[in-house]
Amino acid sequence: MSGRVAVLTAALLWSTSGLFIKSPELSTMVPTERAGPLIALWRGLFCAILLLPFVRWRALRFQWALISLFISFSLMSICFITAMTRSDAGDVIFLQYTAPFWVLIINHFWLRESTPKRAVAALTVAMVGVLTIVGLGSGVGDLLGLCLALVAGVGYGGVIVSLRLLRGQDSMSVIALTQLVCVILLLPFVHGHDPWLAGGQWAWVGGLAIVQYAVPYVIFAWGLKYVGAQEASIITLLEPVLNPIWVLLIWGQAIASHTLVGGALILIALVIRYTGQHTVEE
């Protein structure tokens, strides 16, 4: 398997999140506020168990960026899955993919890094896309779900920044440790609710953990050894494109016009960002 094929395969598998979460078994979980945290908790636990064989504990060393990674990842996980249970898959995945632009904002105001004009233009286009989805989508969907999806994008941005600071660490060990800590941090959110899944829910969450989470992370980490970060970023844009398509084909959830317009603007902004001279490796 070549590096490009590995990254492409990872993107295809990542794009199945909506397919799993929008399944009848998971999308009808009640109460609604229980579904997101519970799915996130069990997905994280299954994934952690699957990745434990790859962990090299002695290779890990403490850095403060680990703390920011744990918090950002937990925030991203619970907000993304909760948003997916409340809102259209297309709206959620596109809003989460605003993460690179939150990274720009964090780098500019917190890390005091210079921001290229091309990146500012891309950020402007992306924000118009966000306003299109949130502004028009809130009239036909769940406003809280859309806001949570946007927060998931902020959390994803924090994950990106943290992983950059941890690039000297063993990636597989960091991911597995993050999953374990994420499970612990999510426990308070399921307190007071029955923590167990029922019947077919176990199969769907297990599939989500294996097919959409653990396997693509392992494949992607291997692929990055042979593919540059910029090229990998372009390839993974398949995820937000395919995610709502799978949900449409399998579960019949139509893609709204505001999702197409706003999502297209965000994708255009990402292409502008990733095809410029300044890449995500800045």
Protein backbone atom coordinates (compact mmCIF):
# COMPACT_ATOMS: atom_id res chain seq x y z
CA MET A 1 0.00 0.00 0.00
CA SER A 2 1.43 3.39 -1.01
CA GLY A 3 1.34 6.44 1.24
CA ARG A 4 -1.33 8.14 -0.89
CA VAL A 5 -3.54 5.05 -0.88
CA ALA A 6 -3.18 4.85 2.91
CA VAL A 7 -4.21 8.48 3.43
CA LEU A 8 -7.07 8.08 0.93
CA THR A 9 -8.28 4.94 2.73
CA ALA A 10 -8.15 6.76 6.07
CA ALA A 11 -10.23 9.63 4.65
CA LEU A 12 -12.81 7.18 3.27
CA LEU A 13 -13.11 5.43 6.63
CA TRP A 14 -13.30 8.72 8.57
CA SER A 15 -16.16 9.80 6.32
CA THR A 16 -18.38 6.99 7.69
CA SER A 17 -19.05 8.70 11.05
CA GLY A 18 -22.47 9.91 9.94
CA LEU A 19 -23.33 6.47 8.57
CA PHE A 20 -22.82 4.92 12.01
CA ILE A 21 -24.19 7.71 14.22
CA LYS A 22 -27.27 8.25 12.05
CA SER A 23 -28.17 4.53 12.20
CA PRO A 24 -31.66 3.86 13.61
CA GLU A 25 -30.15 2.19 16.68
CA LEU A 26 -28.04 5.21 17.66
CA SER A 27 -30.07 8.13 16.30
CA THR A 28 -33.12 7.11 18.36
CA MET A 29 -31.31 6.88 21.71
CA VAL A 30 -33.21 8.60 24.52
CA PRO A 31 -32.87 10.92 26.26
CA THR A 32 -31.14 12.89 23.49
CA GLU A 33 -28.65 14.51 25.86
CA ARG A 34 -27.48 11.00 26.87
CA ALA A 35 -26.67 9.81 23.35
CA GLY A 36 -23.65 11.95 22.45
CA PRO A 37 -21.61 11.52 25.65
CA LEU A 38 -22.40 7.80 25.87
CA ILE A 39 -21.43 7.06 22.26
CA ALA A 40 -18.27 9.16 22.65
CA LEU A 41 -17.32 7.35 25.87
CA TRP A 42 -17.73 3.82 24.50
CA ARG A 43 -16.13 4.70 21.16
CA GLY A 44 -13.11 6.08 23.03
CA LEU A 45 -12.87 3.02 25.28
CA PHE A 46 -13.09 0.54 22.39
CA CYS A 47 -10.54 2.55 20.42
CA ALA A 48 -8.15 2.75 23.38
CA ILE A 49 -8.30 -1.04 23.86
CA LEU A 50 -7.62 -1.59 20.14
CA LEU A 51 -4.65 0.78 20.10
CA LEU A 52 -3.01 -0.44 23.33
CA PRO A 53 -0.83 -3.00 21.46
CA PHE A 54 0.77 -0.08 19.57
CA VAL A 55 1.70 1.86 22.71
CA ARG A 56 5.35 2.31 23.67
CA TRP A 57 4.92 3.62 27.20
CA ARG A 58 8.63 4.19 27.76
CA ALA A 59 8.75 6.45 24.70
CA LEU A 60 6.22 8.84 26.22
CA ARG A 61 7.39 11.87 28.19
CA PHE A 62 5.37 14.56 29.88
CA GLN A 63 4.72 17.83 28.07
CA TRP A 64 2.13 20.46 28.94
CA ALA A 65 0.82 20.07 25.39
CA LEU A 66 -0.49 16.66 26.47
CA ILE A 67 -2.91 18.39 28.84
CA SER A 68 -4.18 20.70 26.10
CA LEU A 69 -4.50 17.67 23.80
CA PHE A 70 -6.57 15.72 26.34
CA ILE A 71 -8.94 18.65 26.90
CA SER A 72 -9.22 19.60 23.22
CA PHE A 73 -9.77 16.01 22.10
CA SER A 74 -12.44 15.37 24.73
CA LEU A 75 -14.20 18.61 23.79
CA MET A 76 -14.07 17.71 20.10
CA SER A 77 -15.30 14.16 20.66
CA ILE A 78 -18.32 14.90 22.84
CA CYS A 79 -19.38 17.99 20.85
CA PHE A 80 -19.00 16.31 17.45
CA ILE A 81 -20.95 13.17 18.33
CA THR A 82 -23.65 15.09 20.23
CA ALA A 83 -24.00 17.48 17.28
CA MET A 84 -24.25 14.54 14.88
CA THR A 85 -27.14 13.09 16.93
CA ARG A 86 -29.01 16.43 16.80
CA SER A 87 -28.25 17.98 13.39
CA ASP A 88 -27.73 17.04 9.74
CA ALA A 89 -24.52 15.13 9.07
CA GLY A 90 -23.42 17.55 6.34
CA ASP A 91 -23.80 20.62 8.56
CA VAL A 92 -21.86 19.00 11.39
CA ILE A 93 -18.91 17.70 9.37
CA PHE A 94 -18.42 20.96 7.46
CA LEU A 95 -18.54 23.03 10.64
CA GLN A 96 -16.00 20.72 12.27
CA TYR A 97 -13.74 21.23 9.27
CA THR A 98 -13.36 24.90 10.17
CA ALA A 99 -10.61 23.65 12.52
CA PRO A 100 -7.66 24.86 10.37
CA PHE A 101 -9.02 28.39 10.60
CA TRP A 102 -9.32 28.26 14.36
CA VAL A 103 -5.68 27.15 14.27
CA LEU A 104 -4.85 30.33 12.32
CA ILE A 105 -6.62 32.43 14.94
CA ILE A 106 -4.87 30.62 17.82
CA ASN A 107 -1.48 30.97 16.13
CA HIS A 108 -2.04 34.67 15.43
CA PHE A 109 -3.38 35.85 18.79
CA TRP A 110 -1.84 33.32 21.20
CA LEU A 111 1.41 32.19 19.60
CA ARG A 112 1.92 35.58 17.90
CA GLU A 113 2.69 34.02 14.52
CA SER A 114 2.31 36.10 11.36
CA THR A 115 -0.75 35.33 9.22
CA PRO A 116 -0.29 35.36 5.40
CA LYS A 117 -2.82 37.35 3.35
CA ARG A 118 -3.82 34.16 1.53
CA ALA A 119 -4.74 32.58 4.85
CA VAL A 120 -6.80 35.63 5.83
CA ALA A 121 -8.68 35.41 2.52
CA ALA A 122 -9.33 31.71 3.11
CA LEU A 123 -10.53 32.43 6.66
CA THR A 124 -12.96 35.06 5.35
CA VAL A 125 -14.45 32.67 2.80
CA ALA A 126 -14.74 29.93 5.45
CA MET A 127 -16.55 32.23 7.88
CA VAL A 128 -19.09 33.12 5.17
CA GLY A 129 -19.65 29.37 4.75
CA VAL A 130 -20.12 28.98 8.51
CA LEU A 131 -22.63 31.84 8.64
CA THR A 132 -24.49 30.26 5.73
CA ILE A 133 -24.82 26.90 7.49
CA VAL A 134 -25.56 28.26 10.98
CA GLY A 135 -27.75 31.15 9.82
CA LEU A 136 -29.89 29.18 7.38
CA GLY A 137 -29.55 25.80 9.06
CA SER A 138 -30.80 27.03 12.43
CA GLY A 139 -34.14 27.80 10.80
CA VAL A 140 -34.70 24.18 9.83
CA GLY A 141 -32.59 22.26 12.33
CA ASP A 142 -31.21 22.23 15.85
CA LEU A 143 -29.31 25.44 16.68
CA LEU A 144 -27.62 23.82 19.69
CA GLY A 145 -26.40 20.99 17.47
CA LEU A 146 -24.90 23.48 14.99
CA CYS A 147 -23.20 25.42 17.79
CA LEU A 148 -21.78 22.19 19.22
CA ALA A 149 -20.43 21.30 15.76
CA LEU A 150 -18.69 24.66 15.63
CA VAL A 151 -17.24 24.08 19.11
CA ALA A 152 -16.07 20.66 17.87
CA GLY A 153 -14.17 22.54 15.17
CA VAL A 154 -12.54 24.71 17.85
CA GLY A 155 -11.62 21.55 19.77
CA TYR A 156 -10.23 20.00 16.58
CA GLY A 157 -8.12 23.12 16.11
CA GLY A 158 -6.78 22.67 19.63
CA VAL A 159 -5.94 19.05 18.79
CA ILE A 160 -4.00 20.17 15.69
CA VAL A 161 -1.99 22.77 17.64
CA SER A 162 -1.30 20.30 20.47
CA LEU A 163 -0.17 17.54 18.11
CA ARG A 164 2.24 19.95 16.43
CA LEU A 165 3.80 20.64 19.82
CA LEU A 166 3.97 16.88 20.45
CA ARG A 167 5.41 15.88 17.07
CA GLY A 168 8.55 14.57 18.75
CA GLN A 169 6.50 11.95 20.62
CA ASP A 170 5.43 8.51 19.37
CA SER A 171 2.12 9.30 17.61
CA MET A 172 0.39 5.97 18.21
CA SER A 173 1.21 6.03 21.93
CA VAL A 174 -0.08 9.60 22.23
CA ILE A 175 -3.36 8.72 20.46
CA ALA A 176 -3.98 5.65 22.65
CA LEU A 177 -3.21 7.58 25.85
CA THR A 178 -5.49 10.40 24.69
CA GLN A 179 -8.36 7.95 24.20
CA LEU A 180 -7.94 6.58 27.74
CA VAL A 181 -7.89 10.06 29.29
CA CYS A 182 -10.84 11.11 27.11
CA VAL A 183 -12.91 8.26 28.53
CA ILE A 184 -12.14 9.42 32.08
CA LEU A 185 -13.00 13.04 31.27
CA LEU A 186 -16.30 11.98 29.70
CA LEU A 187 -17.48 10.00 32.74
CA PRO A 188 -19.11 13.02 34.47
CA PHE A 189 -21.25 13.61 31.36
CA VAL A 190 -22.90 10.19 31.64
CA HIS A 191 -23.33 10.37 35.42
CA GLY A 192 -26.95 9.87 36.36
CA HIS A 193 -27.75 7.96 33.16
CA ASP A 194 -27.65 4.25 32.44
CA PRO A 195 -24.07 3.83 31.12
CA TRP A 196 -24.83 0.66 29.16
CA LEU A 197 -25.79 0.38 25.53
CA ALA A 198 -28.60 -1.92 24.42
CA GLY A 199 -28.88 -4.64 21.79
CA GLY A 200 -27.68 -3.57 18.36
CA GLN A 201 -26.21 -0.34 19.73
CA TRP A 202 -23.12 -2.27 20.81
CA ALA A 203 -22.45 -3.38 17.22
CA TRP A 204 -22.86 0.13 15.79
CA VAL A 205 -20.62 1.77 18.41
CA GLY A 206 -18.07 -1.04 18.03
CA GLY A 207 -18.09 -0.53 14.27
CA LEU A 208 -17.72 3.22 14.77
CA ALA A 209 -14.70 2.67 17.03
CA ILE A 210 -13.00 0.17 14.72
CA VAL A 211 -13.93 1.23 11.18
CA GLN A 212 -14.23 5.00 11.60
CA TYR A 213 -11.69 5.60 14.36
CA ALA A 214 -8.95 3.14 15.27
CA VAL A 215 -8.14 1.63 11.86
CA PRO A 216 -7.98 4.95 9.92
CA TYR A 217 -5.75 6.53 12.59
CA VAL A 218 -3.26 3.67 12.30
CA ILE A 219 -3.36 3.77 8.48
CA PHE A 220 -3.08 7.57 8.40
CA ALA A 221 -0.10 7.59 10.76
CA TRP A 222 1.66 5.10 8.48
CA GLY A 223 0.76 7.06 5.34
CA LEU A 224 2.21 10.29 6.73
CA LYS A 225 5.64 8.66 6.63
CA TYR A 226 5.47 8.81 2.83
CA VAL A 227 3.10 11.72 2.10
CA GLY A 228 3.64 15.36 3.03
CA ALA A 229 1.25 17.13 5.40
CA GLN A 230 -0.02 19.48 2.67
CA GLU A 231 -0.90 16.66 0.27
CA ALA A 232 -2.46 14.65 3.08
CA SER A 233 -4.60 17.66 4.04
CA ILE A 234 -5.95 17.92 0.49
CA ILE A 235 -6.71 14.18 0.30
CA THR A 236 -8.59 14.19 3.61
CA LEU A 237 -10.99 16.83 2.24
CA LEU A 238 -12.82 13.79 0.88
CA GLU A 239 -14.16 13.22 4.41
CA PRO A 240 -16.58 16.19 4.59
CA VAL A 241 -17.62 15.61 0.97
CA LEU A 242 -18.45 11.92 1.39
CA ASN A 243 -19.90 12.02 4.92
CA PRO A 244 -23.33 13.46 3.99
CA ILE A 245 -23.37 11.39 0.78
CA TRP A 246 -23.14 8.11 2.75
CA VAL A 247 -25.96 9.29 5.03
CA LEU A 248 -28.06 10.18 1.98
CA LEU A 249 -27.43 6.85 0.24
CA ILE A 250 -27.85 4.60 3.29
CA TRP A 251 -30.35 6.41 5.52
CA GLY A 252 -32.05 8.75 3.05
CA GLN A 253 -31.23 12.01 4.85
CA ALA A 254 -31.35 14.67 2.13
CA ILE A 255 -28.56 17.24 1.80
CA ALA A 256 -30.06 20.70 2.31
CA SER A 257 -29.28 23.56 -0.07
CA HIS A 258 -27.69 25.66 2.70
CA THR A 259 -25.37 22.71 3.44
CA LEU A 260 -24.27 22.52 -0.19
CA VAL A 261 -23.60 26.28 -0.40
CA GLY A 262 -21.95 26.67 3.00
CA GLY A 263 -20.01 23.41 2.64
CA ALA A 264 -18.75 24.41 -0.81
CA LEU A 265 -17.48 27.73 0.59
CA ILE A 266 -15.65 25.97 3.43
CA LEU A 267 -14.09 23.47 0.99
CA ILE A 268 -12.99 26.30 -1.32
CA ALA A 269 -11.46 28.07 1.68
CA LEU A 270 -9.61 24.89 2.70
CA VAL A 271 -8.23 24.44 -0.83
CA ILE A 272 -7.06 28.09 -0.82
CA ARG A 273 -5.43 27.49 2.54
CA TYR A 274 -3.72 24.20 1.71
CA THR A 275 -2.57 25.01 -1.83
CA GLY A 276 -0.83 28.22 -0.86
CA GLN A 277 2.86 28.59 -0.19
CA HIS A 278 2.18 28.46 3.55
CA THR A 279 0.99 25.01 4.56
CA VAL A 280 -0.23 23.43 7.74
CA GLU A 281 3.37 22.77 8.62
CA GLU A 282 4.00 26.47 9.37
